[in-house]
C-alpha cells in the first residue's frame, strides 16, 4: 500500500494505492451500496459474526503472534469490518463537506482511491436547497466576510 498527499490550490488530495487484485468493472458501482461487502463471515456459515468469547480468543491469538514477531503491542481487528458501511459513508461525508471519493481499479492488479477535500474557506457543507434556509428564514450559506461574492 502506498499513500500520496498533495496540497493543490483548490483542494487537498489523498491517494491510496494498493496492488491487492483490484475490483471487477462489473462490480465497481456496487461498492458504493450500503451493506455491500466482499468480506467473508467471520465464522463459516454464520452471518451474525463471532461471539464475544470467540472474538476475545482470536484477539489474544493475534496479540500473542504479533508480540512474538515484532516485540510490540498488537492492534486488534475491528469487530465492525466487512459490513459494507465504511466506503459509502465516507463518500457521503466527503461530499457533505464539498469533496469526493473516487475509485479507479484494474482487475487483476490493484485499486487507486482518491479522497479530495476542499481547502479551508473554498467550500462549505453541500446542502440541498430546501435546507439552506433555516425555519427562521436565516440563510446558512457560508460567507467569509460581509460583502463577499462567490464567483
C-alpha atoms as a PDB file:
ATOM      1  CA  UNK A   1       0.000   0.000   0.000  1.00  0.00           C
ATOM      2  CA  UNK A   2       1.243   3.454  -0.896  1.00  0.00           C
ATOM      3  CA  UNK A   3      -0.290   6.766   0.237  1.00  0.00           C
ATOM      4  CA  UNK A   4       0.294  10.106  -1.509  1.00  0.00           C
ATOM      5  CA  UNK A   5      -0.737  13.515  -0.094  1.00  0.00           C
ATOM      6  CA  UNK A   6      -0.932  16.516  -2.432  1.00  0.00           C
ATOM      7  CA  UNK A   7      -1.995  20.057  -1.457  1.00  0.00           C
ATOM      8  CA  UNK A   8      -3.347  21.892  -4.507  1.00  0.00           C
ATOM      9  CA  UNK A   9      -4.705  25.415  -4.765  1.00  0.00           C
ATOM     10  CA  UNK A  10      -8.346  24.280  -4.503  1.00  0.00           C
ATOM     11  CA  UNK A  11      -8.180  21.043  -2.558  1.00  0.00           C
ATOM     12  CA  UNK A  12      -6.026  18.518  -0.790  1.00  0.00           C
ATOM     13  CA  UNK A  13      -5.994  15.070  -2.335  1.00  0.00           C
ATOM     14  CA  UNK A  14      -5.082  11.821  -0.647  1.00  0.00           C
ATOM     15  CA  UNK A  15      -4.394   8.920  -2.983  1.00  0.00           C
ATOM     16  CA  UNK A  16      -4.250   5.366  -1.628  1.00  0.00           C
ATOM     17  CA  UNK A  17      -2.703   2.816  -3.982  1.00  0.00           C
ATOM     18  CA  UNK A  18      -2.837  -0.930  -3.466  1.00  0.00           C
ATOM     19  CA  UNK A  19      -1.897  -3.970  -5.518  1.00  0.00           C
ATOM     20  CA  UNK A  20      -4.451  -6.287  -3.941  1.00  0.00           C
ATOM     21  CA  UNK A  21      -6.019  -7.683  -7.111  1.00  0.00           C
ATOM     22  CA  UNK A  22      -8.427  -4.876  -7.973  1.00  0.00           C
ATOM     23  CA  UNK A  23     -12.193  -4.842  -8.469  1.00  0.00           C
ATOM     24  CA  UNK A  24     -14.073  -6.172 -11.497  1.00  0.00           C
ATOM     25  CA  UNK A  25     -15.524  -3.391 -13.667  1.00  0.00           C
ATOM     26  CA  UNK A  26     -18.937  -5.049 -13.422  1.00  0.00           C
ATOM     27  CA  UNK A  27     -18.825  -4.623  -9.625  1.00  0.00           C
ATOM     28  CA  UNK A  28     -17.309  -1.150  -9.326  1.00  0.00           C
ATOM     29  CA  UNK A  29     -20.659   0.633  -8.848  1.00  0.00           C
ATOM     30  CA  UNK A  30     -21.805  -1.834  -6.161  1.00  0.00           C
ATOM     31  CA  UNK A  31     -19.001  -0.771  -3.813  1.00  0.00           C
ATOM     32  CA  UNK A  32     -20.967   2.434  -3.131  1.00  0.00           C
ATOM     33  CA  UNK A  33     -24.052   0.498  -1.936  1.00  0.00           C
ATOM     34  CA  UNK A  34     -24.576   0.323   1.805  1.00  0.00           C
ATOM     35  CA  UNK A  35     -24.185  -3.209   3.205  1.00  0.00           C
ATOM     36  CA  UNK A  36     -22.387  -4.486   0.097  1.00  0.00           C
ATOM     37  CA  UNK A  37     -19.372  -6.443   1.246  1.00  0.00           C
ATOM     38  CA  UNK A  38     -16.925  -8.917  -0.220  1.00  0.00           C
ATOM     39  CA  UNK A  39     -15.731  -9.943   3.241  1.00  0.00           C
ATOM     40  CA  UNK A  40     -16.491 -13.444   4.357  1.00  0.00           C
ATOM     41  CA  UNK A  41     -18.490 -14.024   7.528  1.00  0.00           C
ATOM     42  CA  UNK A  42     -16.072 -14.214  10.495  1.00  0.00           C
ATOM     43  CA  UNK A  43     -17.278 -17.715  11.370  1.00  0.00           C
ATOM     44  CA  UNK A  44     -18.088 -20.009   8.429  1.00  0.00           C
ATOM     45  CA  UNK A  45     -21.813 -20.454   7.855  1.00  0.00           C
ATOM     46  CA  UNK A  46     -22.917 -17.584  10.089  1.00  0.00           C
ATOM     47  CA  UNK A  47     -23.804 -14.019   9.327  1.00  0.00           C
ATOM     48  CA  UNK A  48     -24.025 -12.807  12.902  1.00  0.00           C
ATOM     49  CA  UNK A  49     -20.278 -12.944  13.490  1.00  0.00           C
ATOM     50  CA  UNK A  50     -18.297 -14.360  16.377  1.00  0.00           C
ATOM     51  CA  UNK A  51     -19.414 -14.405  19.963  1.00  0.00           C
ATOM     52  CA  UNK A  52     -17.575 -12.163  22.391  1.00  0.00           C
ATOM     53  CA  UNK A  53     -15.669 -15.211  23.715  1.00  0.00           C
ATOM     54  CA  UNK A  54     -14.572 -16.226  20.204  1.00  0.00           C
ATOM     55  CA  UNK A  55     -13.589 -12.681  19.331  1.00  0.00           C
ATOM     56  CA  UNK A  56     -11.638 -12.375  22.578  1.00  0.00           C
ATOM     57  CA  UNK A  57      -9.842 -15.642  21.850  1.00  0.00           C
ATOM     58  CA  UNK A  58      -8.793 -14.581  18.338  1.00  0.00           C
ATOM     59  CA  UNK A  59      -7.722 -11.162  19.569  1.00  0.00           C
ATOM     60  CA  UNK A  60      -5.475 -12.908  22.123  1.00  0.00           C
ATOM     61  CA  UNK A  61      -4.051 -15.166  19.398  1.00  0.00           C
ATOM     62  CA  UNK A  62      -3.293 -12.167  17.156  1.00  0.00           C
ATOM     63  CA  UNK A  63      -1.802 -10.194  20.036  1.00  0.00           C
ATOM     64  CA  UNK A  64       0.454 -13.092  21.017  1.00  0.00           C
ATOM     65  CA  UNK A  65       1.579 -13.679  17.418  1.00  0.00           C
ATOM     66  CA  UNK A  66       2.310 -10.005  16.895  1.00  0.00           C
ATOM     67  CA  UNK A  67       4.215  -9.750  20.170  1.00  0.00           C
ATOM     68  CA  UNK A  68       6.329 -12.779  19.199  1.00  0.00           C
ATOM     69  CA  UNK A  69       7.073 -11.429  15.708  1.00  0.00           C
ATOM     70  CA  UNK A  70       7.568  -7.740  16.491  1.00  0.00           C
ATOM     71  CA  UNK A  71       8.093  -7.492  20.188  1.00  0.00           C
ATOM     72  CA  UNK A  72       5.400  -4.810  20.418  1.00  0.00           C
ATOM     73  CA  UNK A  73       1.708  -4.417  21.187  1.00  0.00           C
ATOM     74  CA  UNK A  74      -0.789  -5.673  18.650  1.00  0.00           C
ATOM     75  CA  UNK A  75      -3.691  -3.832  17.070  1.00  0.00           C
ATOM     76  CA  UNK A  76      -6.836  -5.982  17.257  1.00  0.00           C
ATOM     77  CA  UNK A  77      -9.028  -6.333  14.170  1.00  0.00           C
ATOM     78  CA  UNK A  78     -12.156  -4.198  14.017  1.00  0.00           C
ATOM     79  CA  UNK A  79     -15.322  -6.014  15.001  1.00  0.00           C
ATOM     80  CA  UNK A  80     -17.216  -3.835  12.502  1.00  0.00           C
ATOM     81  CA  UNK A  81     -15.087  -4.607   9.442  1.00  0.00           C
ATOM     82  CA  UNK A  82     -16.834  -6.108   6.444  1.00  0.00           C
ATOM     83  CA  UNK A  83     -20.362  -4.785   6.997  1.00  0.00           C
ATOM     84  CA  UNK A  84     -20.341  -2.581   3.867  1.00  0.00           C
ATOM     85  CA  UNK A  85     -20.808   0.767   5.598  1.00  0.00           C
ATOM     86  CA  UNK A  86     -17.379   2.402   5.596  1.00  0.00           C
ATOM     87  CA  UNK A  87     -16.891   3.323   1.945  1.00  0.00           C
ATOM     88  CA  UNK A  88     -20.398   4.666   1.190  1.00  0.00           C
ATOM     89  CA  UNK A  89     -20.481   6.572   4.488  1.00  0.00           C
ATOM     90  CA  UNK A  90     -17.038   8.045   3.841  1.00  0.00           C
ATOM     91  CA  UNK A  91     -18.170   9.266   0.421  1.00  0.00           C
ATOM     92  CA  UNK A  92     -21.269  10.865   1.979  1.00  0.00           C
ATOM     93  CA  UNK A  93     -19.105  12.746   4.487  1.00  0.00           C
ATOM     94  CA  UNK A  94     -16.647  13.820   1.777  1.00  0.00           C
ATOM     95  CA  UNK A  95     -19.469  15.139  -0.417  1.00  0.00           C
ATOM     96  CA  UNK A  96     -21.153  16.849   2.534  1.00  0.00           C
ATOM     97  CA  UNK A  97     -18.020  18.898   3.049  1.00  0.00           C
ATOM     98  CA  UNK A  98     -17.637  19.687  -0.670  1.00  0.00           C
ATOM     99  CA  UNK A  99     -15.179  16.934  -1.585  1.00  0.00           C
ATOM    100  CA  UNK A 100     -15.485  13.478  -3.070  1.00  0.00           C
ATOM    101  CA  UNK A 101     -14.068   9.971  -3.116  1.00  0.00           C
ATOM    102  CA  UNK A 102     -13.356   8.248  -6.410  1.00  0.00           C
ATOM    103  CA  UNK A 103     -12.088   4.755  -7.138  1.00  0.00           C
ATOM    104  CA  UNK A 104     -10.103   3.582 -10.146  1.00  0.00           C
ATOM    105  CA  UNK A 105      -9.389  -0.125 -10.327  1.00  0.00           C
ATOM    106  CA  UNK A 106      -7.648  -2.619 -12.613  1.00  0.00           C
ATOM    107  CA  UNK A 107      -8.904  -6.150 -12.098  1.00  0.00           C
ATOM    108  CA  UNK A 108      -6.008  -8.497 -11.534  1.00  0.00           C
ATOM    109  CA  UNK A 109      -3.682  -5.734 -10.361  1.00  0.00           C
ATOM    110  CA  UNK A 110      -4.947  -3.181  -7.853  1.00  0.00           C
ATOM    111  CA  UNK A 111      -7.008  -0.152  -6.923  1.00  0.00           C
ATOM    112  CA  UNK A 112      -6.375   3.580  -6.586  1.00  0.00           C
ATOM    113  CA  UNK A 113      -8.667   5.508  -4.239  1.00  0.00           C
ATOM    114  CA  UNK A 114      -8.745   9.315  -4.245  1.00  0.00           C
ATOM    115  CA  UNK A 115     -10.090  11.488  -1.436  1.00  0.00           C
ATOM    116  CA  UNK A 116     -10.494  15.128  -2.488  1.00  0.00           C
ATOM    117  CA  UNK A 117     -11.014  17.591   0.369  1.00  0.00           C
ATOM    118  CA  UNK A 118     -11.569  21.322  -0.330  1.00  0.00           C
ATOM    119  CA  UNK A 119      -9.079  23.671   1.243  1.00  0.00           C
ATOM    120  CA  UNK A 120     -10.363  25.791   4.104  1.00  0.00           C
ATOM    121  CA  UNK A 121     -12.559  28.654   3.012  1.00  0.00           C
ATOM    122  CA  UNK A 122     -13.187  27.371  -0.514  1.00  0.00           C
ATOM    123  CA  UNK A 123     -16.296  25.308   0.176  1.00  0.00           C
ATOM    124  CA  UNK A 124     -18.700  24.506   2.963  1.00  0.00           C
ATOM    125  CA  UNK A 125     -21.368  21.906   3.544  1.00  0.00           C
ATOM    126  CA  UNK A 126     -23.062  20.775   0.376  1.00  0.00           C
ATOM    127  CA  UNK A 127     -26.693  21.200   1.409  1.00  0.00           C
ATOM    128  CA  UNK A 128     -29.833  20.741  -0.688  1.00  0.00           C
ATOM    129  CA  UNK A 129     -31.707  23.974  -1.450  1.00  0.00           C
ATOM    130  CA  UNK A 130     -34.647  23.267   0.921  1.00  0.00           C
ATOM    131  CA  UNK A 131     -32.336  23.184   3.952  1.00  0.00           C
ATOM    132  CA  UNK A 132     -30.053  26.087   3.033  1.00  0.00           C
ATOM    133  CA  UNK A 133     -32.525  28.406   4.717  1.00  0.00           C
ATOM    134  CA  UNK A 134     -33.478  27.782   8.321  1.00  0.00           C
ATOM    135  CA  UNK A 135     -37.080  27.856   9.614  1.00  0.00           C
ATOM    136  CA  UNK A 136     -36.314  31.379  10.867  1.00  0.00           C
ATOM    137  CA  UNK A 137     -35.519  32.421   7.273  1.00  0.00           C
ATOM    138  CA  UNK A 138     -31.801  32.646   8.075  1.00  0.00           C
ATOM    139  CA  UNK A 139     -29.505  31.787   5.159  1.00  0.00           C
ATOM    140  CA  UNK A 140     -26.918  29.161   6.179  1.00  0.00           C
ATOM    141  CA  UNK A 141     -24.619  29.749   3.202  1.00  0.00           C
ATOM    142  CA  UNK A 142     -21.034  30.359   4.313  1.00  0.00           C
ATOM    143  CA  UNK A 143     -19.903  33.970   3.858  1.00  0.00           C
ATOM    144  CA  UNK A 144     -16.285  34.562   4.964  1.00  0.00           C
ATOM    145  CA  UNK A 145     -16.784  38.340   5.318  1.00  0.00           C
ATOM    146  CA  UNK A 146     -19.540  40.926   4.690  1.00  0.00           C
ATOM    147  CA  UNK A 147     -19.946  41.759   1.008  1.00  0.00           C
ATOM    148  CA  UNK A 148     -18.287  38.507  -0.120  1.00  0.00           C
ATOM    149  CA  UNK A 149     -19.430  37.373  -3.598  1.00  0.00           C
ATOM    150  CA  UNK A 150     -18.738  33.811  -4.802  1.00  0.00           C
ATOM    151  CA  UNK A 151     -17.627  33.537  -8.418  1.00  0.00           C
END
